[in-house]
Amino acid sequence: MIKFLINILIILLIYSCNSINKDEISTNINSSIKKIEEIIEKKEPEVENINKNIQNDNIVFYYIGEPYFIEGVKYKPEENYKYSEIGIATFYGKELHNIKTINNDINKVTELLGRHKTLPLPSMVKITNLDNGLSIVIKIVDRHKDNTSLIQVSRKVAQLLGFYKNELATVRVEVLSDASKQWKNVTLSLNEPDFDKTISSAPTSVVSISEIDNTNLELDSTKSEILSPIEIESEEIENFNLFLKVFNFKNYNEIQEITKSINDQLKFTSEKNGSKYDLIIGPINNKDINNLVSYFISKGYKETKIILE
């Protein structure tokens, strides 16, 4: 195909250059051929990557991703094995059940899974419901697109942590570094070019089955699957108050203006932060925080933080 294109180019140049001498024609041809070869060399790696993705579209891969925006709020995915944050947890239901994730894993409402905006996929985290002290270890398998919540978990996790009926909870999310690194190594190994060859070349031995009975043995994968026990921990949670901090107001008058449109039963304080001001609202409950975060983002205040005191 490449040679064919080059030949066509040569013919076109010859016919279009009657008034040009042979040396000029030769120079033009060589220059054009070089440009074509450079273009082809640049395109070939892209084609190889596309083909590789197509071949491995059912294999879970390790994914971090580039910075991105949700309604103007910027998120920067990264590895952070010391990650520990407090925020609001929500849950997903049947609308995401058996839906493939961004890195070819599967969302399931019946498993201990979660979705997070910046942690690597997959990651292992401990999530603690600060309303009742219950905690559980789950795997992060996907991204979610809700600015108001820190994490979105499966329906199963919401049930086990006791906030299924309330629909949301204040939680602490902590990365489990060792378990997360193990999952990283596993997913990277699965995507090694020679992974299939390694498996097929592994030594095997012939296993003979004695005549226990004359019936045909059929393995039911659903029955033979060994389920690990779910470990739910409980810790004593000290009484605390929730506050919402909203950053980067230009001046105090700006704070006064925006608080006029908010529930007047809430308490407001402000503090100077360099040349700008921060607004602190609270004590406040989970649902009010969720609604207020959404409200402030819609007004252009993209940076908020939940504080426990």
Protein backbone atom coordinates (compact mmCIF):
# COMPACT_ATOMS: atom_id res chain seq x y z
CA MET A 1 0.00 0.00 0.00
CA ILE A 2 2.84 2.39 0.88
CA LYS A 3 4.75 1.63 -2.33
CA PHE A 4 1.57 2.13 -4.36
CA LEU A 5 1.05 5.61 -2.87
CA ILE A 6 4.66 6.54 -3.56
CA ASN A 7 4.40 5.41 -7.19
CA ILE A 8 1.25 7.46 -7.70
CA LEU A 9 3.02 10.47 -6.22
CA ILE A 10 5.96 10.05 -8.62
CA ILE A 11 3.64 9.91 -11.65
CA LEU A 12 1.73 13.02 -10.53
CA LEU A 13 4.92 14.96 -9.99
CA ILE A 14 6.28 14.04 -13.43
CA TYR A 15 3.08 15.10 -15.22
CA SER A 16 2.72 18.29 -13.23
CA CYS A 17 6.30 19.42 -13.64
CA ASN A 18 6.87 19.66 -17.43
CA SER A 19 8.78 22.90 -17.08
CA ILE A 20 11.00 21.66 -14.24
CA ASN A 21 14.31 19.96 -14.96
CA LYS A 22 15.09 16.38 -13.91
CA ASP A 23 17.17 17.40 -10.89
CA GLU A 24 14.32 19.46 -9.44
CA ILE A 25 11.86 16.59 -10.07
CA SER A 26 14.19 14.14 -8.32
CA THR A 27 14.59 16.49 -5.36
CA ASN A 28 10.82 16.98 -5.04
CA ILE A 29 10.18 13.23 -5.24
CA ASN A 30 12.75 12.36 -2.57
CA SER A 31 11.43 15.10 -0.29
CA SER A 32 7.84 13.89 -0.67
CA ILE A 33 8.80 10.25 -0.09
CA LYS A 34 10.60 11.22 3.12
CA LYS A 35 7.55 13.12 4.40
CA ILE A 36 5.27 10.14 3.67
CA GLU A 37 7.60 7.77 5.52
CA GLU A 38 7.75 10.12 8.53
CA ILE A 39 3.94 10.31 8.68
CA ILE A 40 3.64 6.52 8.47
CA GLU A 41 6.22 6.02 11.25
CA LYS A 42 4.28 8.38 13.52
CA LYS A 43 0.97 6.64 12.86
CA GLU A 44 2.12 3.04 13.32
CA PRO A 45 2.46 3.14 17.17
CA GLU A 46 -1.07 4.54 17.47
CA VAL A 47 -2.44 1.67 15.40
CA GLU A 48 -0.54 -0.85 17.52
CA ASN A 49 -1.98 0.64 20.73
CA ILE A 50 -5.50 0.57 19.32
CA ASN A 51 -5.14 -3.06 18.33
CA LYS A 52 -3.76 -3.94 21.74
CA ASN A 53 -6.74 -2.33 23.47
CA ILE A 54 -9.15 -4.22 21.22
CA GLN A 55 -7.47 -7.54 21.98
CA ASN A 56 -7.52 -6.92 25.75
CA ASP A 57 -10.94 -5.32 26.07
CA ASN A 58 -12.05 -7.98 28.56
CA ILE A 59 -8.97 -7.84 30.79
CA VAL A 60 -9.03 -5.61 33.87
CA PHE A 61 -6.14 -3.14 33.70
CA TYR A 62 -4.53 -0.71 36.13
CA TYR A 63 -5.88 2.79 35.58
CA ILE A 64 -5.13 6.23 36.99
CA GLY A 65 -6.09 8.61 34.20
CA GLU A 66 -5.56 12.27 33.39
CA PRO A 67 -6.99 15.27 35.31
CA TYR A 68 -10.62 15.96 34.41
CA PHE A 69 -13.55 18.23 35.31
CA ILE A 70 -17.04 17.61 36.67
CA GLU A 71 -19.24 20.70 36.31
CA GLY A 72 -16.16 22.92 36.47
CA VAL A 73 -14.55 21.17 39.45
CA LYS A 74 -11.11 19.77 38.63
CA TYR A 75 -10.02 16.31 39.82
CA LYS A 76 -6.49 14.93 39.53
CA PRO A 77 -6.30 11.11 39.82
CA GLU A 78 -3.08 9.89 41.44
CA GLU A 79 -1.50 7.20 43.57
CA ASN A 80 -1.66 8.23 47.22
CA TYR A 81 -1.06 5.39 49.64
CA LYS A 82 -1.55 7.74 52.62
CA TYR A 83 -4.98 8.87 51.43
CA SER A 84 -7.48 9.49 54.25
CA GLU A 85 -10.45 11.78 53.71
CA ILE A 86 -13.82 12.50 55.30
CA GLY A 87 -16.87 13.14 53.17
CA ILE A 88 -20.32 12.01 52.13
CA ALA A 89 -20.98 8.48 50.85
CA THR A 90 -23.88 7.60 48.57
CA PHE A 91 -24.67 4.30 46.88
CA TYR A 92 -25.62 2.98 43.46
CA GLY A 93 -28.34 0.44 42.70
CA LYS A 94 -29.48 -1.73 39.83
CA GLU A 95 -28.86 1.02 37.26
CA LEU A 96 -25.15 0.13 37.39
CA HIS A 97 -25.38 -3.59 38.11
CA ASN A 98 -23.20 -5.62 35.71
CA ILE A 99 -22.10 -2.44 33.91
CA LYS A 100 -18.45 -2.45 32.79
CA THR A 101 -16.14 0.05 34.49
CA ILE A 102 -13.61 2.36 32.88
CA ASN A 103 -10.87 -0.28 33.31
CA ASN A 104 -12.92 -3.32 32.22
CA ASP A 105 -13.99 -4.39 35.72
CA ILE A 106 -17.69 -4.85 36.53
CA ASN A 107 -19.93 -2.80 38.83
CA LYS A 108 -22.09 -5.08 40.98
CA VAL A 109 -24.64 -4.05 43.60
CA THR A 110 -24.18 -7.33 45.51
CA GLU A 111 -20.43 -7.09 46.09
CA LEU A 112 -18.17 -4.95 48.29
CA LEU A 113 -17.27 -2.36 45.68
CA GLY A 114 -16.99 1.41 45.40
CA ARG A 115 -16.48 4.24 42.92
CA HIS A 116 -14.09 7.14 43.57
CA LYS A 117 -13.05 10.23 41.62
CA THR A 118 -9.25 10.15 42.07
CA LEU A 119 -7.96 6.85 43.49
CA PRO A 120 -6.27 4.36 41.13
CA LEU A 121 -8.37 1.51 39.79
CA PRO A 122 -8.35 -0.93 41.42
CA SER A 123 -7.59 0.20 44.99
CA MET A 124 -8.51 -1.23 48.37
CA VAL A 125 -9.92 1.08 51.02
CA LYS A 126 -11.39 0.91 54.49
CA ILE A 127 -14.63 2.88 54.68
CA THR A 128 -16.02 3.81 58.11
CA ASN A 129 -19.52 5.13 58.72
CA LEU A 130 -18.90 7.93 61.22
CA ASP A 131 -22.57 7.96 62.17
CA ASN A 132 -22.43 4.48 63.75
CA GLY A 133 -18.78 3.34 63.79
CA LEU A 134 -19.23 0.43 61.36
CA SER A 135 -16.41 -0.14 58.88
CA ILE A 136 -15.65 -2.53 56.04
CA VAL A 137 -12.96 -3.09 53.41
CA ILE A 138 -14.03 -2.61 49.80
CA LYS A 139 -12.44 -2.48 46.35
CA ILE A 140 -12.58 0.72 44.26
CA VAL A 141 -13.39 -0.29 40.68
CA ASP A 142 -14.69 2.80 38.89
CA ARG A 143 -15.00 6.58 38.71
CA HIS A 144 -18.18 8.43 39.66
CA LYS A 145 -19.41 11.85 38.58
CA ASP A 146 -20.98 13.38 41.68
CA ASN A 147 -19.31 16.48 43.09
CA THR A 148 -21.32 16.32 46.30
CA SER A 149 -20.10 12.91 47.49
CA LEU A 150 -16.61 11.65 48.28
CA ILE A 151 -17.39 8.05 47.38
CA GLN A 152 -20.19 6.01 45.87
CA VAL A 153 -20.55 2.42 47.07
CA SER A 154 -22.62 -0.57 46.06
CA ARG A 155 -26.04 -1.16 47.59
CA LYS A 156 -24.55 -4.10 49.52
CA VAL A 157 -21.98 -1.86 51.20
CA ALA A 158 -24.63 0.72 52.10
CA GLN A 159 -26.71 -2.03 53.71
CA LEU A 160 -23.79 -3.42 55.71
CA LEU A 161 -22.71 0.02 56.90
CA GLY A 162 -26.25 0.92 57.92
CA PHE A 163 -27.08 3.85 55.66
CA TYR A 164 -29.19 2.20 52.97
CA LYS A 165 -32.43 3.73 54.29
CA ASN A 166 -30.89 7.16 54.89
CA GLU A 167 -29.34 7.10 51.38
CA LEU A 168 -26.12 8.79 52.51
CA ALA A 169 -23.68 8.92 55.41
CA THR A 170 -20.63 10.77 56.65
CA VAL A 171 -17.68 8.44 56.14
CA ARG A 172 -13.93 8.24 56.43
CA VAL A 173 -12.14 6.62 53.48
CA GLU A 174 -8.61 5.29 54.04
CA VAL A 175 -6.41 3.61 51.43
CA LEU A 176 -4.99 0.22 52.42
CA SER A 177 -1.54 0.57 50.90
CA ASP A 178 -0.34 -3.06 50.91
CA ALA A 179 -3.58 -4.48 49.50
CA SER A 180 -3.76 -1.73 46.88
CA LYS A 181 -0.19 -2.39 45.75
CA GLN A 182 -0.97 -6.10 45.44
CA TRP A 183 -3.94 -5.37 43.19
CA LYS A 184 -1.77 -3.05 41.13
CA ASN A 185 0.81 -5.81 40.59
CA VAL A 186 -1.88 -8.34 39.67
CA THR A 187 -3.55 -6.12 37.08
CA LEU A 188 -0.22 -5.09 35.56
CA SER A 189 0.77 -8.77 35.28
CA LEU A 190 -2.51 -9.64 33.56
CA ASN A 191 -1.68 -7.16 30.83
CA GLU A 192 1.90 -8.28 30.19
CA PRO A 193 2.33 -9.29 26.51
CA ASP A 194 3.62 -12.76 27.45
CA PHE A 195 1.09 -13.45 30.22
CA ASP A 196 -0.89 -16.02 28.19
CA LYS A 197 2.32 -17.77 27.11
CA THR A 198 3.47 -17.98 30.72
CA ILE A 199 0.21 -19.62 31.77
CA SER A 200 0.19 -22.10 28.89
CA SER A 201 3.82 -23.09 29.49
CA ALA A 202 3.37 -23.68 33.23
CA PRO A 203 4.22 -27.28 34.25
CA THR A 204 1.24 -29.54 34.71
CA SER A 205 0.77 -33.07 35.94
CA VAL A 206 -1.75 -35.69 34.98
CA VAL A 207 -4.30 -36.28 37.70
CA SER A 208 -6.18 -39.57 37.73
CA ILE A 209 -9.51 -39.95 39.48
CA SER A 210 -10.21 -43.24 41.18
CA GLU A 211 -13.49 -44.98 40.57
CA ILE A 212 -15.45 -43.54 43.46
CA ASP A 213 -18.70 -44.13 41.69
CA ASN A 214 -19.96 -44.58 38.17
CA THR A 215 -21.87 -41.32 37.98
CA ASN A 216 -20.72 -38.42 35.84
CA LEU A 217 -19.12 -35.65 37.85
CA GLU A 218 -20.37 -32.18 36.94
CA LEU A 219 -18.88 -29.08 38.46
CA ASP A 220 -21.26 -26.22 39.15
CA SER A 221 -19.18 -23.09 39.41
CA THR A 222 -21.87 -21.33 41.42
CA LYS A 223 -21.91 -24.10 44.04
CA SER A 224 -18.17 -24.71 44.14
CA GLU A 225 -17.32 -21.04 44.65
CA ILE A 226 -15.92 -20.40 48.10
CA LEU A 227 -17.15 -17.14 49.56
CA SER A 228 -14.90 -15.31 51.99
CA PRO A 229 -16.62 -14.19 55.20
CA ILE A 230 -17.47 -10.51 55.33
CA GLU A 231 -15.60 -8.76 58.11
CA ILE A 232 -17.45 -5.78 59.56
CA GLU A 233 -15.63 -3.90 62.28
CA SER A 234 -17.09 -1.52 64.81
CA GLU A 235 -15.35 1.33 66.57
CA GLU A 236 -16.52 3.80 69.15
CA ILE A 237 -17.19 7.15 67.55
CA GLU A 238 -16.89 10.24 69.71
CA ASN A 239 -19.62 12.83 69.42
CA PHE A 240 -18.78 15.35 66.75
CA ASN A 241 -20.28 18.20 64.79
CA LEU A 242 -20.16 18.55 61.02
CA PHE A 243 -19.19 21.80 59.35
CA LEU A 244 -18.94 22.76 55.70
CA LYS A 245 -16.09 25.04 54.68
CA VAL A 246 -16.38 26.95 51.39
CA PHE A 247 -13.22 28.58 50.06
CA ASN A 248 -12.18 31.61 48.00
CA PHE A 249 -14.67 34.42 48.52
CA LYS A 250 -13.31 37.73 47.24
CA ASN A 251 -14.48 39.73 50.25
CA TYR A 252 -16.77 39.64 53.28
CA ASN A 253 -19.61 41.38 51.42
CA GLU A 254 -19.68 38.49 48.95
CA ILE A 255 -20.20 36.07 51.85
CA GLN A 256 -23.02 38.19 53.26
CA GLU A 257 -24.78 38.26 49.90
CA ILE A 258 -24.72 34.51 49.30
CA THR A 259 -25.76 33.58 52.84
CA LYS A 260 -28.99 35.55 52.39
CA SER A 261 -30.24 32.84 50.02
CA ILE A 262 -29.45 29.99 52.46
CA ASN A 263 -31.49 28.62 55.35
CA ASP A 264 -31.36 31.34 58.01
CA GLN A 265 -31.45 28.70 60.76
CA LEU A 266 -27.90 27.69 59.89
CA LYS A 267 -24.98 29.35 61.62
CA PHE A 268 -22.30 31.09 59.57
CA THR A 269 -18.80 32.22 60.40
CA SER A 270 -15.99 33.46 58.19
CA GLU A 271 -12.22 33.64 58.34
CA LYS A 272 -9.64 35.54 56.34
CA ASN A 273 -7.38 33.37 54.19
CA GLY A 274 -4.65 35.51 52.64
CA SER A 275 -6.34 38.02 50.37
CA LYS A 276 -9.59 36.03 50.33
CA TYR A 277 -12.23 34.78 52.75
CA ASP A 278 -13.59 31.35 53.66
CA LEU A 279 -17.14 30.61 54.80
CA ILE A 280 -17.84 28.03 57.51
CA ILE A 281 -21.38 26.69 57.92
CA GLY A 282 -22.52 24.54 60.82
CA PRO A 283 -23.14 22.51 62.83
CA ILE A 284 -24.99 20.84 59.98
CA ASN A 285 -26.42 17.42 59.05
CA ASN A 286 -25.50 15.09 56.17
CA LYS A 287 -28.34 15.99 53.83
CA ASP A 288 -27.88 19.73 54.29
CA ILE A 289 -24.18 19.36 53.48
CA ASN A 290 -24.98 17.41 50.33
CA ASN A 291 -27.44 20.06 49.15
CA LEU A 292 -25.18 22.98 50.04
CA VAL A 293 -22.15 21.56 48.22
CA SER A 294 -24.26 21.27 45.09
CA TYR A 295 -25.58 24.81 45.58
CA PHE A 296 -22.17 26.43 46.04
CA ILE A 297 -20.71 24.62 43.03
CA SER A 298 -23.58 25.93 40.92
CA LYS A 299 -22.69 29.45 42.10
CA GLY A 300 -19.06 29.04 41.07
CA TYR A 301 -17.49 28.09 44.41
CA LYS A 302 -15.75 24.86 43.43
CA GLU A 303 -13.66 24.17 46.52
CA THR A 304 -15.40 22.83 49.63
CA LYS A 305 -14.41 20.66 52.56
CA ILE A 306 -16.24 18.79 55.32
CA ILE A 307 -14.82 19.34 58.80
CA LEU A 308 -15.45 17.32 61.96
CA GLU A 309 -15.15 18.98 65.35
